[in-house]
C-alpha cells in the first residue's frame, strides 16, 4: 500500500473527484481531503492510499504537474508523519516572565 500526497488542489475539489482522478490508474483504498477545522473548507491538499505500488507509481508519474481546475497538481509519495512530543501545547517561555509564563507578583496592600 502506498500513501500519496496530492497538493495544489482547487479548493472546490471533493473526495469523489480526487478518487475518480486516481481510479483511472488503479484501485484506490482511501481518499483523505484535508479541511480547515474552523471553517470546514478544503486546505488545498489531500492524501490518497492505493493498494498496488505499481499502480500508485503510474498515478504519481501521470498526475504530477497535471492541470486540474486551472492548477498544476503536485503529486508525490507522502513522507512519514513527523514524531510529535506529547507536551500538550503549553510551553514555558523561560524564566524572564515574557510570553505565556508570566511571573506572579505579590499584591500591593
C-alpha atoms as a PDB file:
ATOM      1  CA  UNK A   1       0.000   0.000   0.000  1.00  0.00           C
ATOM      2  CA  UNK A   2       1.329   3.416  -0.982  1.00  0.00           C
ATOM      3  CA  UNK A   3       0.277   6.751   0.536  1.00  0.00           C
ATOM      4  CA  UNK A   4       0.314   9.612  -1.990  1.00  0.00           C
ATOM      5  CA  UNK A   5       0.356  13.347  -1.276  1.00  0.00           C
ATOM      6  CA  UNK A   6      -1.703  15.492  -3.660  1.00  0.00           C
ATOM      7  CA  UNK A   7      -1.048  19.231  -3.373  1.00  0.00           C
ATOM      8  CA  UNK A   8      -2.125  22.446  -5.085  1.00  0.00           C
ATOM      9  CA  UNK A   9      -5.714  21.236  -5.375  1.00  0.00           C
ATOM     10  CA  UNK A  10      -8.508  23.559  -6.372  1.00  0.00           C
ATOM     11  CA  UNK A  11     -10.447  24.472  -3.203  1.00  0.00           C
ATOM     12  CA  UNK A  12     -13.654  23.117  -4.763  1.00  0.00           C
ATOM     13  CA  UNK A  13     -12.156  19.612  -5.148  1.00  0.00           C
ATOM     14  CA  UNK A  14     -14.035  16.813  -3.396  1.00  0.00           C
ATOM     15  CA  UNK A  15     -13.002  13.363  -2.201  1.00  0.00           C
ATOM     16  CA  UNK A  16     -15.093  11.927  -5.032  1.00  0.00           C
ATOM     17  CA  UNK A  17     -13.387  13.983  -7.734  1.00  0.00           C
ATOM     18  CA  UNK A  18      -9.941  13.052  -6.412  1.00  0.00           C
ATOM     19  CA  UNK A  19     -10.923   9.374  -6.208  1.00  0.00           C
ATOM     20  CA  UNK A  20     -12.139   9.346  -9.820  1.00  0.00           C
ATOM     21  CA  UNK A  21      -8.917  11.032 -10.966  1.00  0.00           C
ATOM     22  CA  UNK A  22      -6.766   8.307  -9.341  1.00  0.00           C
ATOM     23  CA  UNK A  23      -9.038   5.348 -10.133  1.00  0.00           C
ATOM     24  CA  UNK A  24      -8.055   5.719 -13.790  1.00  0.00           C
ATOM     25  CA  UNK A  25      -4.684   4.254 -12.710  1.00  0.00           C
ATOM     26  CA  UNK A  26      -5.820   1.539 -10.276  1.00  0.00           C
ATOM     27  CA  UNK A  27      -7.671   0.644  -7.086  1.00  0.00           C
ATOM     28  CA  UNK A  28      -7.986   3.456  -4.547  1.00  0.00           C
ATOM     29  CA  UNK A  29      -8.278   2.325  -0.931  1.00  0.00           C
ATOM     30  CA  UNK A  30      -8.885   5.711   0.725  1.00  0.00           C
ATOM     31  CA  UNK A  31      -9.004   9.442  -0.034  1.00  0.00           C
ATOM     32  CA  UNK A  32      -8.494  11.984   2.768  1.00  0.00           C
ATOM     33  CA  UNK A  33      -9.180  15.584   1.765  1.00  0.00           C
ATOM     34  CA  UNK A  34      -7.659  17.854   4.414  1.00  0.00           C
ATOM     35  CA  UNK A  35     -10.014  20.587   5.620  1.00  0.00           C
ATOM     36  CA  UNK A  36      -9.672  23.555   7.944  1.00  0.00           C
ATOM     37  CA  UNK A  37     -11.076  22.634  11.361  1.00  0.00           C
ATOM     38  CA  UNK A  38     -12.648  26.050  11.909  1.00  0.00           C
ATOM     39  CA  UNK A  39     -14.241  26.724   8.520  1.00  0.00           C
ATOM     40  CA  UNK A  40     -14.555  23.199   7.098  1.00  0.00           C
ATOM     41  CA  UNK A  41     -13.132  24.409   3.762  1.00  0.00           C
ATOM     42  CA  UNK A  42     -10.513  22.458   1.855  1.00  0.00           C
ATOM     43  CA  UNK A  43      -6.901  23.371   2.622  1.00  0.00           C
ATOM     44  CA  UNK A  44      -5.839  22.514  -0.940  1.00  0.00           C
ATOM     45  CA  UNK A  45      -4.238  19.129  -0.382  1.00  0.00           C
ATOM     46  CA  UNK A  46      -5.195  15.503   0.154  1.00  0.00           C
ATOM     47  CA  UNK A  47      -3.799  12.027   0.701  1.00  0.00           C
ATOM     48  CA  UNK A  48      -4.665   9.044  -1.476  1.00  0.00           C
ATOM     49  CA  UNK A  49      -3.943   5.447  -0.485  1.00  0.00           C
ATOM     50  CA  UNK A  50      -3.576   2.962  -3.340  1.00  0.00           C
ATOM     51  CA  UNK A  51      -3.303  -0.773  -2.732  1.00  0.00           C
ATOM     52  CA  UNK A  52      -0.898  -1.662  -5.562  1.00  0.00           C
ATOM     53  CA  UNK A  53       2.522   0.032  -5.517  1.00  0.00           C
ATOM     54  CA  UNK A  54       2.949  -0.228  -9.297  1.00  0.00           C
ATOM     55  CA  UNK A  55      -0.403   1.439  -9.950  1.00  0.00           C
ATOM     56  CA  UNK A  56       0.466   4.135  -7.416  1.00  0.00           C
ATOM     57  CA  UNK A  57       3.783   4.855  -9.160  1.00  0.00           C
ATOM     58  CA  UNK A  58       1.981   5.151 -12.527  1.00  0.00           C
ATOM     59  CA  UNK A  59      -0.563   7.547 -10.995  1.00  0.00           C
ATOM     60  CA  UNK A  60       2.210   9.683  -9.477  1.00  0.00           C
ATOM     61  CA  UNK A  61       4.089   9.840 -12.795  1.00  0.00           C
ATOM     62  CA  UNK A  62       0.996  10.671 -14.816  1.00  0.00           C
ATOM     63  CA  UNK A  63      -0.655  13.171 -12.466  1.00  0.00           C
ATOM     64  CA  UNK A  64       2.316  15.166 -11.143  1.00  0.00           C
ATOM     65  CA  UNK A  65       2.096  18.513 -12.947  1.00  0.00           C
ATOM     66  CA  UNK A  66      -1.297  17.558 -14.447  1.00  0.00           C
ATOM     67  CA  UNK A  67      -3.605  20.581 -14.818  1.00  0.00           C
ATOM     68  CA  UNK A  68      -6.876  20.202 -12.890  1.00  0.00           C
ATOM     69  CA  UNK A  69      -9.175  23.182 -12.420  1.00  0.00           C
ATOM     70  CA  UNK A  70      -6.513  25.571 -13.704  1.00  0.00           C
ATOM     71  CA  UNK A  71      -3.911  24.361 -11.199  1.00  0.00           C
ATOM     72  CA  UNK A  72      -0.882  22.114 -11.756  1.00  0.00           C
ATOM     73  CA  UNK A  73      -1.071  19.263  -9.233  1.00  0.00           C
ATOM     74  CA  UNK A  74       1.873  18.398  -7.016  1.00  0.00           C
ATOM     75  CA  UNK A  75       1.724  14.594  -6.661  1.00  0.00           C
ATOM     76  CA  UNK A  76       4.365  12.503  -4.882  1.00  0.00           C
ATOM     77  CA  UNK A  77       4.793   9.756  -2.332  1.00  0.00           C
ATOM     78  CA  UNK A  78       3.800  11.023   1.105  1.00  0.00           C
ATOM     79  CA  UNK A  79       6.569  11.303   3.675  1.00  0.00           C
ATOM     80  CA  UNK A  80       6.013   9.638   7.056  1.00  0.00           C
ATOM     81  CA  UNK A  81       4.449  11.897   9.635  1.00  0.00           C
ATOM     82  CA  UNK A  82       6.983  13.582  11.924  1.00  0.00           C
ATOM     83  CA  UNK A  83       7.088  12.469  15.547  1.00  0.00           C
ATOM     84  CA  UNK A  84       5.419  14.935  17.894  1.00  0.00           C
ATOM     85  CA  UNK A  85       6.029  15.352  21.570  1.00  0.00           C
ATOM     86  CA  UNK A  86       3.038  14.874  23.837  1.00  0.00           C
ATOM     87  CA  UNK A  87       3.643  18.137  25.663  1.00  0.00           C
ATOM     88  CA  UNK A  88       0.052  19.345  25.408  1.00  0.00           C
ATOM     89  CA  UNK A  89       0.713  22.641  23.663  1.00  0.00           C
ATOM     90  CA  UNK A  90       1.747  24.869  26.604  1.00  0.00           C
ATOM     91  CA  UNK A  91       5.440  25.633  26.728  1.00  0.00           C
ATOM     92  CA  UNK A  92       7.357  27.571  29.333  1.00  0.00           C
ATOM     93  CA  UNK A  93       8.976  30.513  27.559  1.00  0.00           C
ATOM     94  CA  UNK A  94      11.826  30.894  30.026  1.00  0.00           C
ATOM     95  CA  UNK A  95      12.229  32.452  33.427  1.00  0.00           C
ATOM     96  CA  UNK A  96      12.080  36.108  32.341  1.00  0.00           C
ATOM     97  CA  UNK A  97       8.316  36.284  32.665  1.00  0.00           C
ATOM     98  CA  UNK A  98       7.652  37.023  28.990  1.00  0.00           C
ATOM     99  CA  UNK A  99       5.213  35.197  26.761  1.00  0.00           C
ATOM    100  CA  UNK A 100       2.663  32.928  28.361  1.00  0.00           C
ATOM    101  CA  UNK A 101       4.568  32.106  31.537  1.00  0.00           C
ATOM    102  CA  UNK A 102       4.138  35.359  33.465  1.00  0.00           C
ATOM    103  CA  UNK A 103       5.625  35.727  36.912  1.00  0.00           C
ATOM    104  CA  UNK A 104       3.218  36.201  39.763  1.00  0.00           C
ATOM    105  CA  UNK A 105       3.536  39.446  41.652  1.00  0.00           C
ATOM    106  CA  UNK A 106       2.826  39.980  45.301  1.00  0.00           C
ATOM    107  CA  UNK A 107      -0.253  42.137  45.850  1.00  0.00           C
ATOM    108  CA  UNK A 108       0.323  45.748  46.963  1.00  0.00           C
ATOM    109  CA  UNK A 109      -1.526  46.343  50.244  1.00  0.00           C
END
